[in-house]
Amino acid sequence: MLAPYFAPDASVGTRRSLSLANYLADRGWHVDVVTVAKSDIYLMDATSHLSVEPEVGVHRVPSVDLVEKRSGL
C-alpha cells in the first residue's frame, strides 16, 4: 500500500490509511505500507503509531518536494 500520510503523521488522511491497513491485516491480508520518512513529516501524532497492527510492515522512504520542483521550471 502506498500511503504518503501514515502514522505517526497527524494529518486527517493518516486515519484512513491506518484504518485500511489495520482492517486488511485483521482479515488475514499481508500488508506492507510504503510511506515517507519520519524526517519528512510536518506534524507528528506521538501516539498514532501505537495503533498500527503488529502484522503491518511499514517501510519509510525519503520524499520529494514536488511543489518546489515545479517552481524551479
PDB file of N, CA and C in Angstrom:
ATOM      1  N   MET A   1       0.849  -1.159   0.000  1.00  0.00           N
ATOM      2  CA  MET A   1       0.000   0.000   0.000  1.00  0.00           C
ATOM      3  C   MET A   1       0.902   1.231   0.000  1.00  0.00           C
ATOM      4  N   LEU A   2       0.649   2.166  -0.897  1.00  0.00           N
ATOM      5  CA  LEU A   2       1.367   3.439  -0.910  1.00  0.00           C
ATOM      6  C   LEU A   2       0.541   4.457  -0.146  1.00  0.00           C
ATOM      7  N   ALA A   3       1.120   5.028   0.880  1.00  0.00           N
ATOM      8  CA  ALA A   3       0.376   5.960   1.731  1.00  0.00           C
ATOM      9  C   ALA A   3       1.292   7.102   2.170  1.00  0.00           C
ATOM     10  N   PRO A   4       1.210   8.254   1.495  1.00  0.00           N
ATOM     11  CA  PRO A   4       2.057   9.366   1.917  1.00  0.00           C
ATOM     12  C   PRO A   4       1.707   9.862   3.314  1.00  0.00           C
ATOM     13  N   TYR A   5       0.484   9.609   3.754  1.00  0.00           N
ATOM     14  CA  TYR A   5       0.066  10.002   5.103  1.00  0.00           C
ATOM     15  C   TYR A   5      -0.176   8.729   5.906  1.00  0.00           C
ATOM     16  N   PHE A   6       0.720   8.444   6.842  1.00  0.00           N
ATOM     17  CA  PHE A   6       0.599   7.245   7.667  1.00  0.00           C
ATOM     18  C   PHE A   6       1.217   7.550   9.018  1.00  0.00           C
ATOM     19  N   ALA A   7       0.775   6.827  10.023  1.00  0.00           N
ATOM     20  CA  ALA A   7       1.243   7.058  11.397  1.00  0.00           C
ATOM     21  C   ALA A   7       2.771   7.120  11.438  1.00  0.00           C
ATOM     22  N   PRO A   8       3.314   8.060  12.141  1.00  0.00           N
ATOM     23  CA  PRO A   8       2.749   8.980  13.122  1.00  0.00           C
ATOM     24  C   PRO A   8       2.384  10.361  12.584  1.00  0.00           C
ATOM     25  N   ASP A   9       2.114  10.492  11.290  1.00  0.00           N
ATOM     26  CA  ASP A   9       1.667  11.769  10.728  1.00  0.00           C
ATOM     27  C   ASP A   9       0.335  12.148  11.363  1.00  0.00           C
ATOM     28  N   ALA A  10       0.160  13.429  11.674  1.00  0.00           N
ATOM     29  CA  ALA A  10      -1.048  13.885  12.357  1.00  0.00           C
ATOM     30  C   ALA A  10      -2.130  14.392  11.407  1.00  0.00           C
ATOM     31  N   SER A  11      -1.954  14.257  10.094  1.00  0.00           N
ATOM     32  CA  SER A  11      -2.961  14.751   9.153  1.00  0.00           C
ATOM     33  C   SER A  11      -4.176  13.824   9.115  1.00  0.00           C
ATOM     34  N   VAL A  12      -5.292  14.339   8.597  1.00  0.00           N
ATOM     35  CA  VAL A  12      -6.542  13.594   8.547  1.00  0.00           C
ATOM     36  C   VAL A  12      -6.414  12.350   7.667  1.00  0.00           C
ATOM     37  N   GLY A  13      -5.674  12.443   6.578  1.00  0.00           N
ATOM     38  CA  GLY A  13      -5.501  11.309   5.676  1.00  0.00           C
ATOM     39  C   GLY A  13      -4.858  10.101   6.341  1.00  0.00           C
ATOM     40  N   THR A  14      -4.129  10.338   7.403  1.00  0.00           N
ATOM     41  CA  THR A  14      -3.480   9.254   8.137  1.00  0.00           C
ATOM     42  C   THR A  14      -4.502   8.284   8.695  1.00  0.00           C
ATOM     43  N   ARG A  15      -5.596   8.794   9.185  1.00  0.00           N
ATOM     44  CA  ARG A  15      -6.625   7.918   9.782  1.00  0.00           C
ATOM     45  C   ARG A  15      -7.168   6.926   8.760  1.00  0.00           C
ATOM     46  N   ARG A  16      -7.399   7.377   7.551  1.00  0.00           N
ATOM     47  CA  ARG A  16      -7.929   6.483   6.512  1.00  0.00           C
ATOM     48  C   ARG A  16      -6.910   5.409   6.150  1.00  0.00           C
ATOM     49  N   SER A  17      -5.673   5.804   5.935  1.00  0.00           N
ATOM     50  CA  SER A  17      -4.623   4.842   5.579  1.00  0.00           C
ATOM     51  C   SER A  17      -4.397   3.836   6.696  1.00  0.00           C
ATOM     52  N   LEU A  18      -4.344   4.317   7.905  1.00  0.00           N
ATOM     53  CA  LEU A  18      -4.125   3.451   9.065  1.00  0.00           C
ATOM     54  C   LEU A  18      -5.284   2.485   9.253  1.00  0.00           C
ATOM     55  N   SER A  19      -6.497   2.978   9.116  1.00  0.00           N
ATOM     56  CA  SER A  19      -7.682   2.122   9.263  1.00  0.00           C
ATOM     57  C   SER A  19      -7.717   1.036   8.197  1.00  0.00           C
ATOM     58  N   LEU A  20      -7.406   1.378   6.950  1.00  0.00           N
ATOM     59  CA  LEU A  20      -7.413   0.398   5.875  1.00  0.00           C
ATOM     60  C   LEU A  20      -6.337  -0.665   6.101  1.00  0.00           C
ATOM     61  N   ALA A  21      -5.142  -0.251   6.459  1.00  0.00           N
ATOM     62  CA  ALA A  21      -4.055  -1.211   6.694  1.00  0.00           C
ATOM     63  C   ALA A  21      -4.418  -2.168   7.830  1.00  0.00           C
ATOM     64  N   ASN A  22      -4.947  -1.634   8.924  1.00  0.00           N
ATOM     65  CA  ASN A  22      -5.339  -2.479  10.057  1.00  0.00           C
ATOM     66  C   ASN A  22      -6.508  -3.394   9.699  1.00  0.00           C
ATOM     67  N   TYR A  23      -7.474  -2.884   8.962  1.00  0.00           N
ATOM     68  CA  TYR A  23      -8.627  -3.677   8.535  1.00  0.00           C
ATOM     69  C   TYR A  23      -8.175  -4.884   7.721  1.00  0.00           C
ATOM     70  N   LEU A  24      -7.311  -4.645   6.746  1.00  0.00           N
ATOM     71  CA  LEU A  24      -6.831  -5.738   5.904  1.00  0.00           C
ATOM     72  C   LEU A  24      -6.006  -6.746   6.705  1.00  0.00           C
ATOM     73  N   ALA A  25      -5.156  -6.257   7.595  1.00  0.00           N
ATOM     74  CA  ALA A  25      -4.335  -7.152   8.423  1.00  0.00           C
ATOM     75  C   ALA A  25      -5.208  -8.005   9.338  1.00  0.00           C
ATOM     76  N   ASP A  26      -6.253  -7.412   9.883  1.00  0.00           N
ATOM     77  CA  ASP A  26      -7.170  -8.160  10.761  1.00  0.00           C
ATOM     78  C   ASP A  26      -7.894  -9.277  10.011  1.00  0.00           C
ATOM     79  N   ARG A  27      -8.015  -9.135   8.702  1.00  0.00           N
ATOM     80  CA  ARG A  27      -8.716 -10.133   7.892  1.00  0.00           C
ATOM     81  C   ARG A  27      -7.764 -11.093   7.181  1.00  0.00           C
ATOM     82  N   GLY A  28      -6.519 -11.123   7.643  1.00  0.00           N
ATOM     83  CA  GLY A  28      -5.567 -12.108   7.152  1.00  0.00           C
ATOM     84  C   GLY A  28      -4.711 -11.690   5.975  1.00  0.00           C
ATOM     85  N   TRP A  29      -4.833 -10.462   5.526  1.00  0.00           N
ATOM     86  CA  TRP A  29      -4.014  -9.993   4.411  1.00  0.00           C
ATOM     87  C   TRP A  29      -2.612  -9.667   4.919  1.00  0.00           C
ATOM     88  N   HIS A  30      -1.621  -9.863   4.073  1.00  0.00           N
ATOM     89  CA  HIS A  30      -0.260  -9.423   4.370  1.00  0.00           C
ATOM     90  C   HIS A  30      -0.156  -7.989   3.871  1.00  0.00           C
ATOM     91  N   VAL A  31       0.057  -7.043   4.768  1.00  0.00           N
ATOM     92  CA  VAL A  31       0.048  -5.620   4.403  1.00  0.00           C
ATOM     93  C   VAL A  31       1.429  -5.015   4.638  1.00  0.00           C
ATOM     94  N   ASP A  32       1.966  -4.392   3.598  1.00  0.00           N
ATOM     95  CA  ASP A  32       3.173  -3.580   3.698  1.00  0.00           C
ATOM     96  C   ASP A  32       2.813  -2.178   3.252  1.00  0.00           C
ATOM     97  N   VAL A  33       3.198  -1.187   4.033  1.00  0.00           N
ATOM     98  CA  VAL A  33       2.904   0.208   3.725  1.00  0.00           C
ATOM     99  C   VAL A  33       4.215   0.905   3.373  1.00  0.00           C
ATOM    100  N   VAL A  34       4.230   1.586   2.230  1.00  0.00           N
ATOM    101  CA  VAL A  34       5.368   2.421   1.846  1.00  0.00           C
ATOM    102  C   VAL A  34       4.931   3.858   2.082  1.00  0.00           C
ATOM    103  N   THR A  35       5.671   4.564   2.909  1.00  0.00           N
ATOM    104  CA  THR A  35       5.310   5.927   3.284  1.00  0.00           C
ATOM    105  C   THR A  35       6.566   6.782   3.400  1.00  0.00           C
ATOM    106  N   VAL A  36       6.404   8.046   3.720  1.00  0.00           N
ATOM    107  CA  VAL A  36       7.540   8.970   3.795  1.00  0.00           C
ATOM    108  C   VAL A  36       8.339   8.751   5.079  1.00  0.00           C
ATOM    109  N   ALA A  37       9.583   9.192   5.059  1.00  0.00           N
ATOM    110  CA  ALA A  37      10.453   9.106   6.227  1.00  0.00           C
ATOM    111  C   ALA A  37       9.911  10.003   7.343  1.00  0.00           C
ATOM    112  N   LYS A  38      10.174   9.616   8.566  1.00  0.00           N
ATOM    113  CA  LYS A  38       9.698  10.418   9.697  1.00  0.00           C
ATOM    114  C   LYS A  38      10.249  11.843   9.639  1.00  0.00           C
ATOM    115  N   SER A  39      11.428  12.018   9.094  1.00  0.00           N
ATOM    116  CA  SER A  39      12.014  13.361   8.999  1.00  0.00           C
ATOM    117  C   SER A  39      11.250  14.254   8.013  1.00  0.00           C
ATOM    118  N   ASP A  40      10.405  13.667   7.155  1.00  0.00           N
ATOM    119  CA  ASP A  40       9.627  14.434   6.183  1.00  0.00           C
ATOM    120  C   ASP A  40       8.201  14.723   6.639  1.00  0.00           C
ATOM    121  N   ILE A  41       7.863  14.334   7.857  1.00  0.00           N
ATOM    122  CA  ILE A  41       6.513  14.565   8.384  1.00  0.00           C
ATOM    123  C   ILE A  41       6.462  15.939   9.032  1.00  0.00           C
ATOM    124  N   TYR A  42       5.447  16.717   8.642  1.00  0.00           N
ATOM    125  CA  TYR A  42       5.318  18.085   9.145  1.00  0.00           C
ATOM    126  C   TYR A  42       4.756  18.107  10.574  1.00  0.00           C
ATOM    127  N   LEU A  43       3.643  17.411  10.812  1.00  0.00           N
ATOM    128  CA  LEU A  43       3.035  17.345  12.142  1.00  0.00           C
ATOM    129  C   LEU A  43       2.984  15.896  12.607  1.00  0.00           C
ATOM    130  N   MET A  44       3.485  15.652  13.803  1.00  0.00           N
ATOM    131  CA  MET A  44       3.513  14.286  14.320  1.00  0.00           C
ATOM    132  C   MET A  44       2.493  14.090  15.431  1.00  0.00           C
ATOM    133  N   ASP A  45       1.879  12.907  15.419  1.00  0.00           N
ATOM    134  CA  ASP A  45       0.999  12.474  16.499  1.00  0.00           C
ATOM    135  C   ASP A  45       1.784  11.396  17.257  1.00  0.00           C
ATOM    136  N   ALA A  46       2.209  11.708  18.439  1.00  0.00           N
ATOM    137  CA  ALA A  46       3.121  10.833  19.179  1.00  0.00           C
ATOM    138  C   ALA A  46       2.524   9.470  19.523  1.00  0.00           C
ATOM    139  N   THR A  47       1.204   9.314  19.454  1.00  0.00           N
ATOM    140  CA  THR A  47       0.601   8.038  19.852  1.00  0.00           C
ATOM    141  C   THR A  47      -0.005   7.243  18.704  1.00  0.00           C
ATOM    142  N   SER A  48      -0.151   7.820  17.523  1.00  0.00           N
ATOM    143  CA  SER A  48      -0.844   7.109  16.435  1.00  0.00           C
ATOM    144  C   SER A  48      -0.092   5.860  15.979  1.00  0.00           C
ATOM    145  N   HIS A  49       1.224   5.850  16.104  1.00  0.00           N
ATOM    146  CA  HIS A  49       1.975   4.661  15.689  1.00  0.00           C
ATOM    147  C   HIS A  49       1.661   3.456  16.568  1.00  0.00           C
ATOM    148  N   LEU A  50       1.119   3.699  17.753  1.00  0.00           N
ATOM    149  CA  LEU A  50       0.735   2.598  18.639  1.00  0.00           C
ATOM    150  C   LEU A  50      -0.502   1.871  18.127  1.00  0.00           C
ATOM    151  N   SER A  51      -1.241   2.500  17.208  1.00  0.00           N
ATOM    152  CA  SER A  51      -2.454   1.909  16.652  1.00  0.00           C
ATOM    153  C   SER A  51      -2.182   0.986  15.470  1.00  0.00           C
ATOM    154  N   VAL A  52      -0.960   0.930  14.990  1.00  0.00           N
ATOM    155  CA  VAL A  52      -0.622   0.083  13.840  1.00  0.00           C
ATOM    156  C   VAL A  52      -0.536  -1.366  14.313  1.00  0.00           C
ATOM    157  N   GLU A  53      -1.297  -2.238  13.636  1.00  0.00           N
ATOM    158  CA  GLU A  53      -1.255  -3.669  13.969  1.00  0.00           C
ATOM    159  C   GLU A  53       0.171  -4.192  13.783  1.00  0.00           C
ATOM    160  N   PRO A  54       0.606  -5.103  14.652  1.00  0.00           N
ATOM    161  CA  PRO A  54       1.980  -5.616  14.535  1.00  0.00           C
ATOM    162  C   PRO A  54       2.246  -6.358  13.223  1.00  0.00           C
ATOM    163  N   GLU A  55       1.204  -6.847  12.571  1.00  0.00           N
ATOM    164  CA  GLU A  55       1.358  -7.570  11.312  1.00  0.00           C
ATOM    165  C   GLU A  55       1.626  -6.642  10.124  1.00  0.00           C
ATOM    166  N   VAL A  56       1.401  -5.348  10.294  1.00  0.00           N
ATOM    167  CA  VAL A  56       1.562  -4.376   9.208  1.00  0.00           C
ATOM    168  C   VAL A  56       3.034  -3.966   9.127  1.00  0.00           C
ATOM    169  N   GLY A  57       3.643  -4.198   7.958  1.00  0.00           N
ATOM    170  CA  GLY A  57       5.023  -3.753   7.744  1.00  0.00           C
ATOM    171  C   GLY A  57       5.029  -2.327   7.238  1.00  0.00           C
ATOM    172  N   VAL A  58       5.825  -1.482   7.860  1.00  0.00           N
ATOM    173  CA  VAL A  58       5.905  -0.076   7.453  1.00  0.00           C
ATOM    174  C   VAL A  58       7.319   0.191   6.940  1.00  0.00           C
ATOM    175  N   HIS A  59       7.401   0.665   5.702  1.00  0.00           N
ATOM    176  CA  HIS A  59       8.679   0.949   5.068  1.00  0.00           C
ATOM    177  C   HIS A  59       8.718   2.436   4.733  1.00  0.00           C
ATOM    178  N   ARG A  60       9.710   3.130   5.246  1.00  0.00           N
ATOM    179  CA  ARG A  60       9.808   4.581   5.069  1.00  0.00           C
ATOM    180  C   ARG A  60      10.883   4.925   4.055  1.00  0.00           C
ATOM    181  N   VAL A  61      10.543   5.850   3.164  1.00  0.00           N
ATOM    182  CA  VAL A  61      11.474   6.308   2.126  1.00  0.00           C
ATOM    183  C   VAL A  61      11.488   7.835   2.114  1.00  0.00           C
ATOM    184  N   PRO A  62      12.596   8.444   1.691  1.00  0.00           N
ATOM    185  CA  PRO A  62      12.636   9.910   1.600  1.00  0.00           C
ATOM    186  C   PRO A  62      11.615  10.407   0.581  1.00  0.00           C
ATOM    187  N   SER A  63      11.038  11.553   0.843  1.00  0.00           N
ATOM    188  CA  SER A  63      10.051  12.115  -0.085  1.00  0.00           C
ATOM    189  C   SER A  63      10.691  13.187  -0.964  1.00  0.00           C
ATOM    190  N   VAL A  64       9.961  13.577  -1.990  1.00  0.00           N
ATOM    191  CA  VAL A  64      10.405  14.615  -2.911  1.00  0.00           C
ATOM    192  C   VAL A  64       9.407  15.757  -2.833  1.00  0.00           C
ATOM    193  N   ASP A  65       9.897  16.970  -2.724  1.00  0.00           N
ATOM    194  CA  ASP A  65       9.021  18.140  -2.677  1.00  0.00           C
ATOM    195  C   ASP A  65       8.656  18.524  -4.110  1.00  0.00           C
ATOM    196  N   LEU A  66       7.476  18.067  -4.569  1.00  0.00           N
ATOM    197  CA  LEU A  66       7.060  18.319  -5.946  1.00  0.00           C
ATOM    198  C   LEU A  66       6.736  19.781  -6.204  1.00  0.00           C
ATOM    199  N   VAL A  67       6.274  20.503  -5.192  1.00  0.00           N
ATOM    200  CA  VAL A  67       5.936  21.912  -5.365  1.00  0.00           C
ATOM    201  C   VAL A  67       7.198  22.702  -5.659  1.00  0.00           C
ATOM    202  N   GLU A  68       8.248  22.452  -4.914  1.00  0.00           N
ATOM    203  CA  GLU A  68       9.494  23.170  -5.137  1.00  0.00           C
ATOM    204  C   GLU A  68      10.103  22.812  -6.492  1.00  0.00           C
ATOM    205  N   LYS A  69       9.972  21.558  -6.897  1.00  0.00           N
ATOM    206  CA  LYS A  69      10.490  21.128  -8.197  1.00  0.00           C
ATOM    207  C   LYS A  69       9.770  21.863  -9.325  1.00  0.00           C
ATOM    208  N   ARG A  70       8.456  22.027  -9.218  1.00  0.00           N
ATOM    209  CA  ARG A  70       7.680  22.706 -10.253  1.00  0.00           C
ATOM    210  C   ARG A  70       8.045  24.183 -10.328  1.00  0.00           C
ATOM    211  N   SER A  71       8.238  24.816  -9.181  1.00  0.00           N
ATOM    212  CA  SER A  71       8.516  26.266  -9.180  1.00  0.00           C
ATOM    213  C   SER A  71       9.874  26.573  -9.805  1.00  0.00           C
ATOM    214  N   GLY A  72      10.752  25.566  -9.878  1.00  0.00           N
ATOM    215  CA  GLY A  72      12.062  25.777 -10.469  1.00  0.00           C
ATOM    216  C   GLY A  72      12.067  25.699 -11.985  1.00  0.00           C
ATOM    217  N   LEU A  73      10.915  25.352 -12.577  1.00  0.00           N
ATOM    218  CA  LEU A  73      10.859  25.226 -14.043  1.00  0.00           C
ATOM    219  C   LEU A  73      10.914  26.566 -14.726  1.00  0.00           C
TER     220      LEU A  73
END
